[in-house]
Protein backbone atom coordinates (compact mmCIF):
# COMPACT_ATOMS: atom_id res chain seq x y z
CA MET A 1 0.00 0.03 0.00
CA ASP A 2 1.36 3.37 -0.99
CA GLU A 3 0.44 7.06 -0.62
CA THR A 4 -1.91 6.91 -3.56
CA ASP A 5 -4.20 4.25 -2.01
CA GLU A 6 -3.83 4.69 1.71
CA PRO A 7 -7.42 4.73 3.18
CA MET A 8 -8.53 7.56 5.41
CA ASN A 9 -11.68 8.59 7.16
CA ASP A 10 -14.75 10.24 5.59
CA ALA A 11 -13.49 13.76 6.33
CA LEU A 12 -10.20 13.45 4.39
CA MET A 13 -9.03 11.70 1.14
CA SER A 14 -5.77 10.03 0.27
CA ILE A 15 -3.73 11.62 -2.40
CA GLY A 16 -4.89 9.09 -5.02
CA ALA A 17 -8.54 9.59 -4.25
CA PHE A 18 -8.33 13.25 -4.36
CA ALA A 19 -6.24 13.14 -7.61
CA ARG A 20 -9.03 11.03 -9.35
CA ARG A 21 -11.61 13.43 -8.03
CA VAL A 22 -10.04 16.67 -9.32
CA GLY A 23 -8.35 15.21 -12.39
CA LEU A 24 -4.72 15.69 -11.43
CA ALA A 25 -2.02 13.22 -11.11
CA PRO A 26 -0.62 12.36 -7.65
CA SER A 27 2.84 13.52 -8.81
CA ALA A 28 1.37 16.85 -9.82
CA LEU A 29 -0.29 17.29 -6.38
CA ARG A 30 3.04 16.54 -4.78
CA PHE A 31 4.73 19.17 -6.91
CA TYR A 32 2.04 21.71 -6.07
CA ASP A 33 2.54 21.05 -2.36
CA ASP A 34 6.32 21.51 -2.78
CA CYS A 35 5.52 24.85 -4.39
CA ASP A 36 3.00 26.04 -1.72
CA VAL A 37 0.30 26.24 -4.47
CA LEU A 38 -1.92 23.45 -3.15
CA ARG A 39 -1.03 22.21 0.30
CA PRO A 40 -2.62 19.02 1.71
CA ALA A 41 -5.05 19.50 4.63
CA TYR A 42 -3.06 16.96 6.69
CA VAL A 43 0.34 15.13 6.39
CA ASP A 44 0.86 12.00 8.46
CA ASP A 45 4.03 12.60 10.44
CA ALA A 46 4.90 8.90 10.60
CA THR A 47 4.46 8.05 6.95
CA GLY A 48 4.61 11.37 5.20
CA TYR A 49 1.36 10.60 3.41
CA ARG A 50 -0.68 13.60 2.22
CA TYR A 51 -4.47 13.93 2.68
CA TYR A 52 -6.95 16.31 1.25
CA ALA A 53 -10.30 17.78 2.25
CA ALA A 54 -13.41 18.03 0.01
CA ASP A 55 -13.49 21.77 0.33
CA GLN A 56 -9.93 21.94 -1.51
CA GLU A 57 -11.65 20.61 -4.62
CA PRO A 58 -12.45 23.94 -6.13
CA ARG A 59 -8.89 25.19 -5.77
CA ALA A 60 -7.55 22.02 -7.15
CA VAL A 61 -9.78 22.23 -10.15
CA LEU A 62 -8.76 25.81 -10.74
CA VAL A 63 -5.08 24.75 -10.66
CA ARG A 64 -5.75 22.01 -13.16
CA ARG A 65 -7.52 24.65 -15.41
CA LEU A 66 -4.65 27.13 -15.13
CA ARG A 67 -2.06 24.40 -15.97
CA ALA A 68 -4.24 23.40 -18.90
CA ALA A 69 -4.03 27.00 -20.09
CA GLY A 70 -0.26 27.00 -19.66
CA ILE A 71 -0.34 29.54 -16.91
CA PRO A 72 3.12 29.80 -15.15
CA LEU A 73 2.90 28.87 -11.51
CA THR A 74 4.62 32.28 -10.87
CA ASP A 75 1.40 33.90 -11.98
CA ALA A 76 -0.99 31.35 -10.47
CA PRO A 77 -1.15 33.05 -7.02
CA ALA A 78 -2.68 36.18 -8.62
CA VAL A 79 -5.57 34.06 -9.88
CA LEU A 80 -5.84 31.79 -6.93
CA ASP A 81 -5.55 34.32 -4.13
CA GLY A 82 -5.57 37.73 -5.71
CA THR A 83 -8.38 40.14 -6.53
CA ARG A 84 -10.61 39.86 -9.51
CA GLU A 85 -8.70 42.59 -11.26
CA GLU A 86 -5.21 40.98 -10.52
CA ALA A 87 -6.61 37.69 -11.91
CA ARG A 88 -8.09 39.32 -14.92
CA ALA A 89 -4.84 41.14 -15.68
CA VAL A 90 -2.81 37.95 -15.45
CA LEU A 91 -5.21 35.91 -17.65
CA GLU A 92 -5.66 38.43 -20.30
CA GLY A 93 -1.90 39.06 -20.53
CA HIS A 94 -1.24 35.23 -20.83
CA ALA A 95 -4.08 35.14 -23.60
CA ARG A 96 -2.45 37.68 -25.51
CA ARG A 97 1.05 36.13 -25.40
CA ALA A 98 -0.48 32.78 -26.31
CA ARG A 99 -2.06 34.27 -29.38
CA GLU A 100 1.25 35.96 -30.47
CA THR A 101 3.14 32.63 -29.94
CA ALA A 102 0.51 30.69 -31.89
CA ALA A 103 0.75 33.17 -34.80
CA SER A 104 4.58 32.93 -34.95
CA ALA A 105 4.31 29.16 -34.83
CA ARG A 106 1.81 29.03 -37.60
CA SER A 107 3.95 31.21 -39.72
CA ALA A 108 7.00 29.12 -39.30
CA ILE A 109 5.25 25.85 -39.96
CA GLU A 110 3.62 27.33 -43.22
CA GLU A 111 7.11 28.33 -44.34
CA ILE A 112 8.53 24.87 -43.75
CA LEU A 113 5.58 23.26 -45.45
CA ARG A 114 6.33 25.39 -48.52
CA ASP A 115 9.92 24.25 -48.62
CA LEU A 116 9.28 20.57 -48.24
CA PRO A 117 10.34 18.36 -51.37
CA GLY A 118 7.61 16.54 -53.45
CA GLY A 119 17.56 -15.33 -33.34
CA ALA A 120 17.70 -15.08 -29.45
CA ARG A 121 14.48 -14.19 -27.80
CA ARG A 122 14.07 -10.40 -27.94
CA ALA A 123 12.44 -8.07 -25.44
CA SER A 124 9.54 -6.47 -27.33
CA VAL A 125 7.39 -3.35 -26.25
CA ARG A 126 5.15 -0.97 -28.03
CA LEU A 127 5.52 2.89 -27.71
CA GLY A 128 3.98 5.85 -29.50
CA GLY A 129 6.39 7.19 -32.19
CA ALA A 130 6.01 10.78 -31.10
CA GLU A 131 6.46 9.76 -27.45
CA LEU A 132 9.82 8.02 -28.31
CA ALA A 133 10.97 11.00 -30.49
CA SER A 134 10.08 13.23 -27.54
CA ALA A 135 12.03 11.22 -25.10
CA VAL A 136 15.11 11.14 -27.26
CA ARG A 137 15.00 14.88 -27.61
CA GLN A 138 14.93 15.28 -23.93
CA VAL A 139 17.87 12.98 -22.96
CA ALA A 140 20.08 13.51 -25.81
CA PRO A 141 21.47 16.83 -24.62
CA ALA A 142 23.02 15.01 -21.71
CA VAL A 143 25.23 12.95 -23.98
CA ALA A 144 28.98 13.97 -23.65
CA SER A 145 30.69 16.16 -26.17
CA ALA A 146 33.01 14.72 -28.89
CA PRO A 147 36.30 15.13 -26.90
CA VAL A 148 34.87 13.44 -23.80
CA ARG A 149 33.43 10.58 -26.10
CA GLU A 150 36.95 10.04 -27.48
CA GLU A 151 38.15 9.26 -23.95
CA PHE A 152 34.95 7.53 -22.68
CA PRO A 153 32.96 6.21 -25.61
CA VAL A 154 30.17 4.96 -23.43
CA LEU A 155 29.18 8.50 -22.53
CA GLY A 156 28.38 9.03 -26.26
CA CYS A 157 25.62 6.48 -25.99
CA VAL A 158 22.08 6.39 -24.67
CA LEU A 159 21.06 3.47 -22.45
CA ILE A 160 17.65 1.88 -23.47
CA GLU A 161 16.22 0.00 -20.65
CA LEU A 162 13.02 -2.23 -21.35
CA GLY A 163 11.28 -3.04 -18.07
CA HIS A 164 8.08 -4.86 -17.51
CA GLN A 165 5.87 -1.63 -17.29
CA GLU A 166 7.94 1.10 -18.87
CA THR A 167 10.98 1.78 -21.03
CA ARG A 168 13.66 4.13 -19.83
CA LEU A 169 16.12 6.22 -21.89
CA VAL A 170 19.16 7.34 -19.90
CA ALA A 171 22.17 9.62 -20.87
CA THR A 172 24.97 11.30 -19.00
CA ASP A 173 28.19 13.35 -19.49
CA ARG A 174 29.17 13.06 -15.82
CA TYR A 175 27.91 16.67 -15.15
CA ARG A 176 24.28 16.00 -16.29
CA LEU A 177 22.09 12.94 -15.97
CA ALA A 178 18.85 12.77 -17.86
CA VAL A 179 16.24 10.02 -17.41
CA ARG A 180 12.91 9.68 -19.30
CA ALA A 181 10.52 6.88 -18.55
CA LEU A 182 7.81 5.78 -21.17
CA ARG A 183 4.76 3.71 -20.24
CA HIS A 184 4.09 0.74 -22.74
CA ARG A 185 1.28 1.01 -25.06
CA SER A 186 -0.35 -2.45 -24.35
CA PRO A 187 -0.51 -4.77 -21.36
CA GLU A 188 0.97 -7.74 -23.30
CA ALA A 189 4.13 -5.89 -23.75
CA ALA A 190 5.10 -6.59 -20.21
CA GLU A 191 4.89 -10.19 -20.82
CA ASP A 192 7.06 -10.01 -23.83
CA VAL A 193 9.85 -8.53 -21.91
CA ALA A 194 9.98 -11.18 -19.23
CA GLY A 195 13.18 -13.21 -19.37
CA ALA A 196 14.65 -11.23 -22.26
CA PRO A 197 17.77 -8.89 -22.41
CA GLY A 198 16.38 -5.41 -21.52
CA ARG A 199 19.46 -3.13 -21.26
CA VAL A 200 21.17 -1.95 -24.46
CA LEU A 201 23.55 0.81 -25.16
CA VAL A 202 23.17 2.52 -28.62
CA ASP A 203 25.00 5.39 -30.27
CA ALA A 204 23.23 8.59 -29.53
CA GLU A 205 23.63 10.12 -32.93
CA ALA A 206 22.05 6.97 -34.52
CA LEU A 207 19.15 7.06 -32.04
CA LYS A 208 18.52 10.72 -32.84
CA GLU A 209 18.20 9.87 -36.51
CA ALA A 210 15.95 6.94 -35.69
CA ALA A 211 13.82 9.15 -33.51
CA SER A 212 13.17 11.65 -36.36
CA TRP A 213 12.02 8.60 -38.53
CA ALA A 214 9.81 7.34 -35.61
CA LEU A 215 8.12 10.79 -35.15
CA ARG A 216 6.01 10.08 -38.04
CA MET A 217 4.81 6.61 -36.86
CA PRO A 218 1.69 6.44 -34.63
CA ASP A 219 3.00 3.19 -33.12
CA ILE A 220 6.48 1.75 -32.76
CA ARG A 221 7.40 -1.79 -31.67
CA ILE A 222 10.90 -1.91 -30.06
CA GLU A 223 12.88 -5.12 -29.83
CA ALA A 224 16.14 -5.63 -28.07
CA ASP A 225 18.77 -8.33 -27.52
CA GLN A 226 22.53 -8.50 -27.12
CA GLN A 227 23.11 -7.50 -30.69
CA GLY A 228 21.08 -4.13 -30.36
CA VAL A 229 17.70 -2.60 -30.87
CA ARG A 230 15.34 -2.81 -33.70
CA LEU A 231 12.63 -0.27 -34.23
CA HIS A 232 9.53 -1.51 -36.24
CA GLY A 233 7.20 0.96 -37.94
CA ASP A 234 4.20 0.38 -40.10
CA THR A 235 6.23 -0.68 -43.25
CA ALA A 236 9.89 -0.14 -42.28
CA VAL A 237 12.50 -1.19 -39.76
CA ARG A 238 15.44 0.66 -38.17
CA ASP A 239 18.42 -1.24 -36.69
CA LEU A 240 20.61 0.32 -33.91
CA PRO A 241 23.64 -1.98 -33.09
CA ALA A 242 24.59 -2.44 -29.54
CA VAL A 243 27.70 -0.67 -28.22
CA ASP A 244 29.93 -2.54 -25.82
CA GLY A 245 30.69 -0.80 -22.61
CA THR A 246 29.51 -0.45 -18.97
CA PHE A 247 27.16 2.46 -18.39
CA PRO A 248 27.32 4.35 -15.04
CA ASP A 249 24.88 3.06 -12.42
CA TYR A 250 22.35 5.75 -12.66
CA ARG A 251 19.91 4.17 -10.35
CA MET A 252 22.46 4.16 -7.48
CA ILE A 253 22.90 7.92 -8.30
CA LEU A 254 19.27 8.58 -8.02
CA ASP A 255 18.69 6.38 -4.89
CA ASN A 256 21.45 8.21 -2.92
CA LEU A 257 20.32 11.83 -3.66
CA PRO A 258 20.02 13.81 -0.39
CA ALA A 259 16.90 15.53 0.54
CA ALA A 260 16.29 18.98 -0.98
CA ARG A 261 16.68 21.96 1.47
CA HIS A 262 15.99 24.60 -1.05
CA ARG A 263 13.51 24.81 -3.94
CA ILE A 264 13.30 27.38 -6.65
CA ILE A 265 10.24 27.39 -9.08
CA ALA A 266 10.57 29.77 -11.92
CA ASP A 267 8.98 30.69 -15.26
CA ARG A 268 11.22 28.58 -17.68
CA THR A 269 11.37 31.24 -20.30
CA ALA A 270 12.14 34.08 -18.01
CA LEU A 271 14.85 32.25 -16.27
CA ARG A 272 16.47 31.22 -19.65
CA GLU A 273 16.34 34.85 -20.77
CA ALA A 274 18.01 36.04 -17.49
CA ILE A 275 20.88 33.47 -18.08
CA THR A 276 21.51 34.22 -21.70
CA ALA A 277 21.03 38.18 -21.58
CA GLY A 278 24.40 39.74 -22.75
CA GLY A 279 25.96 36.30 -23.40
CA HIS A 280 28.05 34.42 -20.76
CA ALA A 281 31.62 33.90 -20.42
CA GLY A 282 31.84 32.15 -17.02
CA PRO A 283 29.78 30.76 -14.29
CA LEU A 284 26.27 31.89 -13.45
CA ILE A 285 25.09 32.22 -9.88
CA LEU A 286 21.60 31.75 -8.56
CA ASP A 287 20.97 33.42 -5.31
CA THR A 288 17.82 33.12 -3.19
CA GLY A 289 18.58 35.66 -0.52
CA GLU A 290 15.53 37.73 0.76
CA GLN A 291 13.29 35.14 -0.79
CA GLN A 292 13.98 36.50 -4.29
CA LEU A 293 15.83 34.77 -7.09
CA THR A 294 18.88 36.86 -8.34
CA VAL A 295 20.75 35.59 -11.44
CA THR A 296 24.16 36.90 -11.96
CA VAL A 297 25.99 35.99 -15.21
CA THR A 298 29.65 36.56 -15.94
CA VAL A 299 29.83 38.21 -19.45
CA ALA A 300 32.77 38.59 -21.93
CA THR A 301 33.53 42.10 -21.14
CA PRO A 302 34.73 42.84 -17.60
CA GLY A 303 31.82 42.69 -15.14
CA SER A 304 28.49 40.82 -14.91
CA VAL A 305 24.85 41.02 -15.70
CA THR A 306 22.31 40.70 -13.04
CA ALA A 307 18.51 39.85 -13.35
CA THR A 308 15.59 38.87 -10.90
CA PRO A 309 13.16 36.76 -12.80
CA PRO A 310 9.84 35.87 -11.25
CA ALA A 311 10.37 32.88 -8.82
CA ILE A 312 9.15 31.27 -5.78
CA CYS A 313 11.93 30.33 -3.37
CA THR A 314 11.46 28.15 -0.42
CA GLY A 315 13.85 26.98 2.28
CA PRO A 316 16.78 28.87 3.68
CA PRO A 317 18.85 31.23 1.43
CA VAL A 318 21.18 29.65 -0.80
CA ARG A 319 23.84 30.73 -3.48
CA ILE A 320 24.84 28.17 -6.06
CA ALA A 321 26.89 28.37 -9.28
CA PHE A 322 26.40 26.52 -12.55
CA ASP A 323 28.08 26.22 -16.04
CA PRO A 324 25.46 27.93 -18.30
CA TYR A 325 26.22 25.26 -21.11
CA VAL A 326 25.32 22.65 -18.57
CA LEU A 327 22.26 24.16 -16.96
CA LEU A 328 20.65 25.62 -20.27
CA PRO A 329 20.05 22.25 -21.97
CA ALA A 330 18.46 20.89 -18.78
CA LEU A 331 15.94 23.96 -18.84
CA ASP A 332 15.30 23.43 -22.66
CA ALA A 333 14.70 19.69 -22.21
CA GLY A 334 11.80 20.14 -19.82
CA VAL A 335 8.05 20.42 -20.35
CA GLY A 336 5.68 23.11 -19.40
CA PRO A 337 6.06 26.85 -18.60
CA ASP A 338 7.61 26.25 -15.06
CA VAL A 339 10.78 24.77 -13.88
CA LEU A 340 11.66 23.43 -10.34
CA LEU A 341 15.19 23.22 -9.04
CA GLU A 342 15.59 21.06 -5.98
CA ILE A 343 18.94 21.83 -4.20
CA ALA A 344 20.39 19.91 -1.40
CA SER A 345 23.51 22.03 -1.10
CA PRO A 346 25.64 24.13 -3.45
CA SER A 347 28.00 21.13 -3.99
CA GLN A 348 25.66 18.39 -4.63
CA PRO A 349 23.61 17.41 -7.78
CA VAL A 350 20.55 19.48 -8.39
CA ILE A 351 17.28 18.03 -9.52
CA VAL A 352 15.56 19.86 -12.45
CA ARG A 353 11.93 18.96 -13.03
CA SER A 354 8.46 20.21 -13.88
CA ALA A 355 4.83 19.46 -12.79
CA ASP A 356 3.85 18.74 -16.45
CA GLN A 357 6.00 15.62 -16.72
CA GLY A 358 6.87 13.58 -13.81
CA SER A 359 8.45 10.87 -16.01
CA PHE A 360 11.41 13.03 -16.98
CA THR A 361 14.27 13.74 -14.48
CA THR A 362 17.50 15.72 -15.00
CA LEU A 363 20.34 16.16 -12.63
CA VAL A 364 22.79 18.94 -13.05
CA MET A 365 26.22 19.28 -11.11
CA PRO A 366 27.01 22.77 -9.77
CA VAL A 367 30.33 24.29 -10.10
CA PRO A 368 32.75 26.13 -7.69
CA GLY A 369 32.14 29.94 -7.86
CA ALA A 370 29.58 30.53 -5.19
CA SER A 371 29.88 30.52 -1.38
CA ALA A 372 28.05 28.03 0.70
CA ASP A 373 24.47 28.53 1.97
CA ALA A 374 24.04 32.32 2.55
């Protein structure tokens, strides 16, 4: 029995029961708790299980509707707790930006359209082609650069791990670790995997090419054995040979992560703009002093550029430094308008995640260049 199905009395609901009632995933409810957007009515001190009251349903439904509209969580408090005028200003502003973004996207797509030219038992699972392509796009930035791959060829690969319920794609360059889990399309896929080899290393560049091909397929069957991976589409097949080598034990890394002491939730676009403003020639520093996020970027000319993007900071103040070329791909790989950084300390791996996709996890190593907790 876990948090999602733990029974409770008539006054309170388990996180699973409340999630079904309001149309949100339990992982999203945990995220909203972490961000102080939707706190549970009660948390069991012994188990850590969260429980919710019936009168929280309207707020949860409004949160779900805000997320469906793509409203950043940094703007959500104005709608959830602000005046009618504040809520209207936020919603109308978001609607205007959404129209502008949609118009730009439509124009770009139309331009692109104009330019288009007229043996051993194998593990086998089914996935959506677009889902697979999306997963490859997310983990591929964590693959090592060419110079590092020359010394450590295994870091130029993606680990494809076929399990009984899900398939995982994993990549790392020692400074980043990206993990994406994909649920299988059909129940019988789990039986197909039993007893068959389920861990294969494949070349990242070859996988990206195959993912571009799979994007056009509604359904992909993946087979794997010691020789490699085979992707079956409707009428064609793509083979990805296995690469010899020992991939880092990513599960041990994830299992041994310390608890987060600091959390930063920010508008993904605003944070990215703050980091890239004026270019960057050295480490960037995130500082949560005074419960405000300050981003300081070292630029090519002597000096630095400072910005204060909208953010919600919880926990004690912290100052932490990153290599922009490591943090930016982690931000770009995420899904949704918000990004959450979970920080244990300025010297330990930082988890980068979002409420919109609990199946994708990125770890980013900080760099020296900032003092310890402020």
